[in-house]
N, C-alpha and C. Protein backbone atom coordinates (compact mmCIF):
# COMPACT_ATOMS: atom_id res chain seq x y z
N MET A 1 0.74 7.61 4.45
CA MET A 1 1.54 6.54 4.48
C MET A 1 2.43 6.26 4.05
N TYR A 2 3.99 5.73 3.64
CA TYR A 2 4.80 5.37 3.71
C TYR A 2 5.68 4.28 3.85
N LEU A 3 6.96 3.69 3.05
CA LEU A 3 7.32 2.80 3.21
C LEU A 3 8.74 2.77 3.48
N GLY A 4 9.25 1.41 4.60
CA GLY A 4 10.43 1.11 5.30
C GLY A 4 10.70 -0.03 5.40
N ILE A 5 11.71 -0.46 5.80
CA ILE A 5 12.52 -1.33 6.02
C ILE A 5 13.08 -2.02 7.47
N VAL A 6 12.32 -2.93 7.83
CA VAL A 6 12.68 -2.73 9.44
C VAL A 6 14.26 -3.26 9.68
N LYS A 7 15.04 -2.70 10.63
CA LYS A 7 16.57 -3.12 11.06
C LYS A 7 16.54 -3.70 11.90
N GLY A 8 15.94 -3.75 12.82
CA GLY A 8 15.61 -3.74 14.64
C GLY A 8 15.05 -3.94 15.11
N THR A 9 14.78 -4.48 16.58
CA THR A 9 13.80 -4.85 17.38
C THR A 9 14.06 -3.52 18.94
N VAL A 10 13.40 -2.96 19.20
CA VAL A 10 12.97 -2.55 20.22
C VAL A 10 12.94 -2.74 21.78
N VAL A 11 13.76 -2.70 22.79
CA VAL A 11 13.09 -3.46 23.71
C VAL A 11 13.44 -3.21 25.08
N ALA A 12 11.62 -2.47 25.70
CA ALA A 12 11.36 -1.45 26.62
C ALA A 12 10.30 -2.43 27.65
N ALA A 13 11.47 -2.05 29.27
CA ALA A 13 10.64 -3.02 29.62
C ALA A 13 9.29 -2.63 30.40
N ARG A 14 9.44 -1.34 30.25
CA ARG A 14 8.51 -0.65 30.98
C ARG A 14 7.61 0.06 29.45
N LYS A 15 6.07 0.67 29.23
CA LYS A 15 5.46 0.98 27.89
C LYS A 15 4.47 1.80 28.30
N ALA A 16 3.91 2.67 27.64
CA ALA A 16 3.06 3.59 28.49
C ALA A 16 1.33 2.31 28.38
N SER A 17 0.29 2.86 28.73
CA SER A 17 -0.45 1.98 29.35
C SER A 17 -1.19 2.20 27.75
N GLY A 18 -1.88 0.89 27.45
CA GLY A 18 -2.34 0.39 26.17
C GLY A 18 -1.07 -0.03 24.95
N LEU A 19 -0.07 -0.02 24.87
CA LEU A 19 1.44 -0.10 24.53
C LEU A 19 1.99 -2.17 24.95
N GLU A 20 0.95 -2.32 25.80
CA GLU A 20 1.79 -3.78 27.28
C GLU A 20 1.31 -4.62 25.35
N GLY A 21 2.54 -5.56 25.74
CA GLY A 21 2.57 -6.26 24.58
C GLY A 21 2.56 -5.67 23.33
N GLN A 22 2.74 -4.78 23.02
CA GLN A 22 3.04 -4.42 21.54
C GLN A 22 4.79 -4.44 21.07
N LYS A 23 5.30 -4.77 20.10
CA LYS A 23 6.06 -4.75 19.95
C LYS A 23 6.82 -4.09 19.15
N ILE A 24 7.89 -3.51 19.43
CA ILE A 24 8.34 -1.74 18.78
C ILE A 24 9.55 -3.06 18.21
N LEU A 25 9.64 -1.94 16.82
CA LEU A 25 10.12 -2.09 16.06
C LEU A 25 11.31 -1.09 15.01
N LEU A 26 12.76 -1.25 15.18
CA LEU A 26 13.27 0.31 14.57
C LEU A 26 13.22 -0.20 12.75
N VAL A 27 12.82 1.17 12.56
CA VAL A 27 12.72 1.16 10.60
C VAL A 27 13.31 2.33 10.11
N GLN A 28 13.61 2.03 9.06
CA GLN A 28 14.45 2.67 7.69
C GLN A 28 13.39 3.43 6.79
N PRO A 29 13.16 4.58 7.07
CA PRO A 29 12.01 4.73 6.11
C PRO A 29 12.77 4.72 4.65
N VAL A 30 12.61 4.58 3.59
CA VAL A 30 12.67 4.04 2.08
C VAL A 30 11.93 4.73 1.07
N ASP A 31 12.22 5.57 0.20
CA ASP A 31 11.68 5.89 -1.27
C ASP A 31 11.02 4.68 -2.00
N GLU A 32 10.09 4.58 -3.58
CA GLU A 32 10.16 3.43 -3.64
C GLU A 32 11.55 2.61 -4.50
N HIS A 33 12.22 2.85 -4.07
CA HIS A 33 13.46 2.54 -4.67
C HIS A 33 14.25 1.78 -3.94
N LYS A 34 13.40 1.83 -2.55
CA LYS A 34 14.64 1.37 -1.14
C LYS A 34 16.14 1.92 -0.36
N GLN A 35 15.71 3.44 -1.36
CA GLN A 35 16.77 4.03 -0.70
C GLN A 35 16.22 4.55 0.14
N PRO A 36 17.42 5.00 1.44
CA PRO A 36 16.59 5.05 2.30
C PRO A 36 16.37 7.03 2.83
N ILE A 37 15.73 7.35 3.45
CA ILE A 37 15.23 8.27 3.64
C ILE A 37 14.81 8.63 5.06
N GLY A 38 15.63 10.02 5.20
CA GLY A 38 15.32 10.40 6.83
C GLY A 38 16.22 9.12 7.71
N ASP A 39 15.59 9.79 9.00
CA ASP A 39 16.20 8.91 10.25
C ASP A 39 15.56 7.45 10.35
N LEU A 40 16.32 6.83 11.13
CA LEU A 40 15.55 5.64 11.50
C LEU A 40 14.28 6.35 12.75
N GLN A 41 13.50 5.39 12.70
CA GLN A 41 12.76 5.49 14.20
C GLN A 41 11.79 4.40 14.17
N ALA A 42 11.12 4.40 15.41
CA ALA A 42 10.84 3.00 16.01
C ALA A 42 9.46 3.85 15.50
N ALA A 43 8.53 2.12 15.59
CA ALA A 43 7.30 1.78 14.89
C ALA A 43 6.90 0.66 15.08
N ILE A 44 5.86 0.54 16.67
CA ILE A 44 4.70 -0.38 16.43
C ILE A 44 4.13 -1.34 15.61
N ASP A 45 4.95 -2.44 15.60
CA ASP A 45 4.47 -3.49 14.64
C ASP A 45 2.76 -4.18 15.07
N THR A 46 2.13 -4.52 13.97
CA THR A 46 0.53 -4.31 14.10
C THR A 46 0.51 -5.67 13.01
N VAL A 47 1.28 -6.02 12.51
CA VAL A 47 1.70 -7.56 11.29
C VAL A 47 2.56 -7.95 11.56
N GLN A 48 2.86 -7.88 12.44
CA GLN A 48 3.88 -9.53 12.89
C GLN A 48 5.07 -9.21 11.45
N ALA A 49 5.46 -7.80 11.27
CA ALA A 49 6.68 -8.23 11.06
C ALA A 49 7.90 -8.74 11.73
N GLY A 50 9.13 -8.96 10.18
CA GLY A 50 10.29 -9.67 11.06
C GLY A 50 11.97 -8.40 10.39
N GLU A 51 12.57 -8.50 10.43
CA GLU A 51 13.50 -7.90 10.29
C GLU A 51 14.34 -8.61 8.63
N GLY A 52 14.72 -6.65 8.19
CA GLY A 52 15.10 -6.90 6.79
C GLY A 52 13.29 -7.23 6.01
N ASP A 53 12.07 -6.83 6.60
CA ASP A 53 11.04 -7.18 6.06
C ASP A 53 10.91 -5.20 4.99
N PHE A 54 10.28 -5.62 4.08
CA PHE A 54 10.16 -4.16 3.69
C PHE A 54 8.10 -4.10 4.06
N VAL A 55 8.29 -2.66 4.38
CA VAL A 55 7.01 -2.72 5.12
C VAL A 55 6.37 -1.46 4.93
N TYR A 56 4.66 -1.56 5.46
CA TYR A 56 4.30 0.29 4.71
C TYR A 56 3.43 0.57 6.12
N LEU A 57 3.54 1.60 6.25
CA LEU A 57 3.96 2.68 7.80
C LEU A 57 2.82 4.35 7.61
N VAL A 58 1.68 4.11 8.76
CA VAL A 58 1.35 5.30 9.19
C VAL A 58 1.74 6.00 9.98
N GLY A 59 1.88 7.21 10.12
CA GLY A 59 2.51 8.05 11.22
C GLY A 59 1.11 8.70 11.64
N SER A 60 1.56 9.52 12.36
CA SER A 60 0.74 10.36 13.61
C SER A 60 -0.68 9.86 13.48
N ARG A 61 -1.80 10.77 13.57
CA ARG A 61 -3.03 10.22 14.12
C ARG A 61 -3.47 9.44 14.02
N GLU A 62 -2.94 8.65 12.60
CA GLU A 62 -3.21 7.64 11.93
C GLU A 62 -2.65 6.04 12.95
N ALA A 63 -1.73 6.13 13.01
CA ALA A 63 -0.64 5.19 13.98
C ALA A 63 -1.29 5.30 15.24
N ALA A 64 -1.80 6.49 15.37
CA ALA A 64 -2.17 6.26 17.36
C ALA A 64 -3.77 5.10 16.92
N LEU A 65 -4.26 5.39 15.99
CA LEU A 65 -5.51 4.68 15.71
C LEU A 65 -5.71 3.28 14.97
N ALA A 66 -4.10 2.64 14.85
CA ALA A 66 -3.82 1.99 14.10
C ALA A 66 -3.98 0.39 15.48
N LEU A 67 -4.43 0.93 16.44
CA LEU A 67 -3.91 0.22 17.94
C LEU A 67 -5.51 -0.13 18.16
N LYS A 68 -5.05 -1.70 19.35
CA LYS A 68 -6.65 -1.54 20.00
C LYS A 68 -5.74 -1.51 21.53
N PRO A 69 -6.31 -0.49 22.74
CA PRO A 69 -7.46 0.38 22.31
C PRO A 69 -6.88 1.55 21.32
N PHE A 70 -7.75 1.69 20.71
CA PHE A 70 -7.44 3.18 19.23
C PHE A 70 -6.66 4.54 20.40
N PHE A 71 -5.89 5.08 19.84
CA PHE A 71 -5.70 6.08 20.72
C PHE A 71 -4.23 6.20 21.48
N VAL A 72 -3.07 5.55 21.45
CA VAL A 72 -2.60 5.66 22.27
C VAL A 72 -1.16 6.30 21.84
N PRO A 73 -0.35 6.47 22.73
CA PRO A 73 0.69 7.23 22.33
C PRO A 73 1.79 7.01 21.63
N VAL A 74 1.37 7.09 20.15
CA VAL A 74 2.29 6.71 19.36
C VAL A 74 2.28 6.94 18.04
N ASP A 75 3.74 7.43 17.18
CA ASP A 75 3.45 7.90 16.09
C ASP A 75 4.20 7.47 15.03
N ALA A 76 4.42 6.42 14.75
CA ALA A 76 4.63 5.48 13.28
C ALA A 76 3.83 3.90 14.25
N ALA A 77 3.36 3.43 12.95
CA ALA A 77 2.91 2.05 13.73
C ALA A 77 2.57 1.78 11.60
N ILE A 78 3.63 -0.05 11.94
CA ILE A 78 3.54 -0.74 10.52
C ILE A 78 2.45 -0.75 10.67
N VAL A 79 1.60 -1.65 8.84
CA VAL A 79 0.12 -1.81 9.02
C VAL A 79 0.52 -2.67 7.93
N GLY A 80 1.80 -3.18 7.58
CA GLY A 80 1.22 -3.98 6.16
C GLY A 80 2.77 -3.91 5.96
N ILE A 81 2.83 -4.96 5.14
CA ILE A 81 4.37 -6.30 4.77
C ILE A 81 4.49 -6.10 3.46
N VAL A 82 5.06 -5.23 2.25
CA VAL A 82 5.23 -5.17 1.24
C VAL A 82 5.49 -6.36 0.28
N ASP A 83 4.42 -7.05 -0.63
CA ASP A 83 4.67 -8.26 -1.05
C ASP A 83 5.84 -7.52 -2.81
N GLY A 84 4.77 -6.58 -3.15
CA GLY A 84 5.49 -6.43 -4.27
C GLY A 84 5.28 -4.80 -4.41
N LEU A 85 6.20 -4.61 -5.22
CA LEU A 85 6.17 -2.60 -5.91
C LEU A 85 6.48 -2.47 -7.29
N ASP A 86 5.36 -1.73 -7.90
CA ASP A 86 5.27 -1.74 -9.24
C ASP A 86 5.95 -0.94 -9.61
N VAL A 87 6.72 0.05 -9.91
CA VAL A 87 7.54 1.34 -10.28
C VAL A 87 7.37 2.19 -11.32
N PRO A 88 6.90 2.53 -12.58
CA PRO A 88 6.91 2.88 -13.82
C PRO A 88 7.88 3.85 -14.23
N ALA A 89 8.55 3.68 -15.06
CA ALA A 89 10.15 4.18 -15.40
C ALA A 89 9.48 5.19 -16.05
N ARG A 90 10.04 6.73 -15.64
CA ARG A 90 10.17 7.94 -15.34
C ARG A 90 10.67 8.74 -16.84
N GLU A 91 9.90 9.39 -17.09
CA GLU A 91 9.51 9.85 -18.88
C GLU A 91 11.15 11.16 -18.98
N ILE A 92 11.64 10.43 -20.02
CA ILE A 92 13.24 11.43 -20.02
C ILE A 92 12.46 12.50 -20.58
N ARG A 93 12.41 14.12 -20.69
CA ARG A 93 12.17 15.05 -21.55
C ARG A 93 12.93 15.79 -22.04
């Protein structure tokens, strides 16, 4: 599971079987401080997220299992919208 910020929408006129009617969003993976890590990626939206939302995603097999019918050809799925994040301060040694 990892965090991301929704940056936009992907429009696809044709999709693989099982993805009909599924919204695809463009997500920027981020760390716990909302700093970008890695490249933008397309993710299937299962929670009605929108642009600018702070979300959490699952990848690989878990993403494929997050949809109905399960095990469709996806690498990332948005499975929640983050309401808050409590990150403890690091100890300086």
